Amino acid sequence: MPTFKCKDIGMDCPFETSAKTEDELMMKIAEHASKAHDIKTVPPELMAKIKKAIKK
């Protein structure tokens, strides 16, 4: 089950999530980024950090 933590990409944020698939996980991350960090469009360099930080 893939998991993600905001702190693993250097954010001062306690958010952690997991999902059955990486696609589901990315949807949860995108929703959190929008609501908590006001990131509406994830830039490519941030997306690369996110993908690298996902634990499988």
N, C-alpha and C. Protein backbone atom coordinates (compact mmCIF):
# COMPACT_ATOMS: atom_id res chain seq x y z
N MET A 1 0.85 -1.18 0.00
CA MET A 1 0.00 0.00 0.00
C MET A 1 0.89 1.25 0.00
N PRO A 2 0.79 2.08 -1.02
CA PRO A 2 1.63 3.28 -1.07
C PRO A 2 1.24 4.31 0.00
N THR A 3 2.25 4.96 0.56
CA THR A 3 2.04 5.98 1.58
C THR A 3 2.84 7.23 1.24
N PHE A 4 2.41 8.36 1.83
CA PHE A 4 3.08 9.63 1.60
C PHE A 4 3.00 10.48 2.85
N LYS A 5 4.08 11.22 3.14
CA LYS A 5 4.13 12.18 4.26
C LYS A 5 4.68 13.49 3.72
N CYS A 6 3.98 14.59 4.02
CA CYS A 6 4.44 15.92 3.59
C CYS A 6 5.86 16.21 4.09
N LYS A 7 6.14 15.80 5.32
CA LYS A 7 7.47 16.10 5.89
C LYS A 7 8.60 15.46 5.08
N ASP A 8 8.29 14.39 4.33
CA ASP A 8 9.33 13.73 3.53
C ASP A 8 9.76 14.56 2.31
N ILE A 9 9.00 15.62 1.99
CA ILE A 9 9.43 16.51 0.91
C ILE A 9 9.80 17.89 1.45
N GLY A 10 10.05 17.94 2.77
CA GLY A 10 10.54 19.17 3.37
C GLY A 10 9.48 20.15 3.84
N MET A 11 8.20 19.72 3.84
CA MET A 11 7.13 20.61 4.29
C MET A 11 7.00 20.51 5.81
N ASP A 12 6.69 21.62 6.44
CA ASP A 12 6.42 21.64 7.88
C ASP A 12 4.93 21.35 8.06
N CYS A 13 4.57 20.09 7.87
CA CYS A 13 3.16 19.69 7.83
C CYS A 13 3.05 18.24 8.31
N PRO A 14 2.09 17.96 9.18
CA PRO A 14 1.96 16.60 9.72
C PRO A 14 1.17 15.65 8.83
N PHE A 15 0.73 16.09 7.64
CA PHE A 15 -0.11 15.26 6.77
C PHE A 15 0.57 13.96 6.38
N GLU A 16 -0.17 12.86 6.56
CA GLU A 16 0.25 11.53 6.12
C GLU A 16 -0.97 10.86 5.52
N THR A 17 -0.78 10.09 4.45
CA THR A 17 -1.90 9.39 3.85
C THR A 17 -1.42 8.11 3.18
N SER A 18 -2.37 7.22 2.93
CA SER A 18 -2.08 6.00 2.19
C SER A 18 -3.32 5.65 1.37
N ALA A 19 -3.12 4.78 0.40
CA ALA A 19 -4.23 4.36 -0.46
C ALA A 19 -3.90 2.99 -1.06
N LYS A 20 -4.90 2.38 -1.65
CA LYS A 20 -4.69 1.06 -2.26
C LYS A 20 -3.81 1.14 -3.50
N THR A 21 -3.93 2.25 -4.24
CA THR A 21 -3.14 2.40 -5.46
C THR A 21 -2.42 3.75 -5.44
N GLU A 22 -1.40 3.87 -6.27
CA GLU A 22 -0.67 5.14 -6.37
C GLU A 22 -1.57 6.23 -6.97
N ASP A 23 -2.46 5.85 -7.89
CA ASP A 23 -3.39 6.82 -8.47
C ASP A 23 -4.30 7.42 -7.40
N GLU A 24 -4.85 6.56 -6.53
CA GLU A 24 -5.70 7.04 -5.43
C GLU A 24 -4.90 7.93 -4.50
N LEU A 25 -3.66 7.53 -4.23
CA LEU A 25 -2.79 8.30 -3.36
C LEU A 25 -2.53 9.69 -3.94
N MET A 26 -2.27 9.75 -5.24
CA MET A 26 -2.01 11.04 -5.89
C MET A 26 -3.23 11.96 -5.80
N MET A 27 -4.42 11.40 -5.88
CA MET A 27 -5.64 12.21 -5.75
C MET A 27 -5.74 12.80 -4.35
N LYS A 28 -5.42 12.00 -3.33
CA LYS A 28 -5.45 12.48 -1.95
C LYS A 28 -4.40 13.57 -1.73
N ILE A 29 -3.21 13.37 -2.30
CA ILE A 29 -2.13 14.35 -2.17
C ILE A 29 -2.53 15.66 -2.85
N ALA A 30 -3.10 15.57 -4.04
CA ALA A 30 -3.52 16.77 -4.79
C ALA A 30 -4.59 17.54 -4.02
N GLU A 31 -5.54 16.83 -3.44
CA GLU A 31 -6.59 17.49 -2.66
C GLU A 31 -5.99 18.20 -1.44
N HIS A 32 -5.09 17.52 -0.75
CA HIS A 32 -4.43 18.11 0.42
C HIS A 32 -3.60 19.33 0.01
N ALA A 33 -2.84 19.22 -1.07
CA ALA A 33 -2.00 20.33 -1.53
C ALA A 33 -2.85 21.56 -1.82
N SER A 34 -3.99 21.34 -2.43
CA SER A 34 -4.89 22.45 -2.77
C SER A 34 -5.47 23.11 -1.53
N LYS A 35 -5.98 22.29 -0.61
CA LYS A 35 -6.66 22.82 0.58
C LYS A 35 -5.69 23.37 1.63
N ALA A 36 -4.63 22.63 1.91
CA ALA A 36 -3.75 23.00 3.02
C ALA A 36 -2.61 23.93 2.61
N HIS A 37 -2.16 23.83 1.37
CA HIS A 37 -0.98 24.58 0.94
C HIS A 37 -1.28 25.56 -0.19
N ASP A 38 -2.53 25.62 -0.61
CA ASP A 38 -2.96 26.51 -1.69
C ASP A 38 -2.16 26.28 -2.98
N ILE A 39 -1.84 25.01 -3.22
CA ILE A 39 -1.14 24.63 -4.45
C ILE A 39 -2.19 24.03 -5.38
N LYS A 40 -2.61 24.79 -6.37
CA LYS A 40 -3.66 24.35 -7.29
C LYS A 40 -3.10 23.50 -8.42
N THR A 41 -1.92 23.86 -8.90
CA THR A 41 -1.24 23.11 -9.95
C THR A 41 0.14 22.74 -9.43
N VAL A 42 0.44 21.46 -9.39
CA VAL A 42 1.72 21.00 -8.86
C VAL A 42 2.79 21.14 -9.94
N PRO A 43 3.82 21.98 -9.68
CA PRO A 43 4.90 22.14 -10.67
C PRO A 43 5.69 20.83 -10.84
N PRO A 44 6.29 20.62 -12.01
CA PRO A 44 7.01 19.37 -12.28
C PRO A 44 8.08 19.02 -11.24
N GLU A 45 8.81 20.03 -10.75
CA GLU A 45 9.87 19.70 -9.78
C GLU A 45 9.28 19.23 -8.45
N LEU A 46 8.12 19.76 -8.06
CA LEU A 46 7.46 19.29 -6.84
C LEU A 46 6.87 17.90 -7.06
N MET A 47 6.32 17.66 -8.23
CA MET A 47 5.78 16.33 -8.55
C MET A 47 6.87 15.27 -8.47
N ALA A 48 8.06 15.60 -8.94
CA ALA A 48 9.18 14.66 -8.87
C ALA A 48 9.53 14.34 -7.41
N LYS A 49 9.52 15.36 -6.55
CA LYS A 49 9.78 15.14 -5.11
C LYS A 49 8.71 14.25 -4.50
N ILE A 50 7.45 14.52 -4.84
CA ILE A 50 6.34 13.74 -4.30
C ILE A 50 6.48 12.28 -4.70
N LYS A 51 6.71 12.03 -5.99
CA LYS A 51 6.82 10.65 -6.47
C LYS A 51 7.99 9.92 -5.81
N LYS A 52 9.09 10.65 -5.60
CA LYS A 52 10.26 10.04 -4.94
C LYS A 52 9.97 9.70 -3.48
N ALA A 53 9.09 10.49 -2.83
CA ALA A 53 8.81 10.32 -1.40
C ALA A 53 7.75 9.25 -1.13
N ILE A 54 7.07 8.78 -2.17
CA ILE A 54 6.04 7.75 -1.96
C ILE A 54 6.70 6.43 -1.59
N LYS A 55 6.26 5.89 -0.47
CA LYS A 55 6.76 4.58 -0.01
C LYS A 55 5.78 3.51 -0.48
N LYS A 56 6.31 2.46 -1.04
CA LYS A 56 5.43 1.41 -1.59
C LYS A 56 5.31 0.24 -0.66
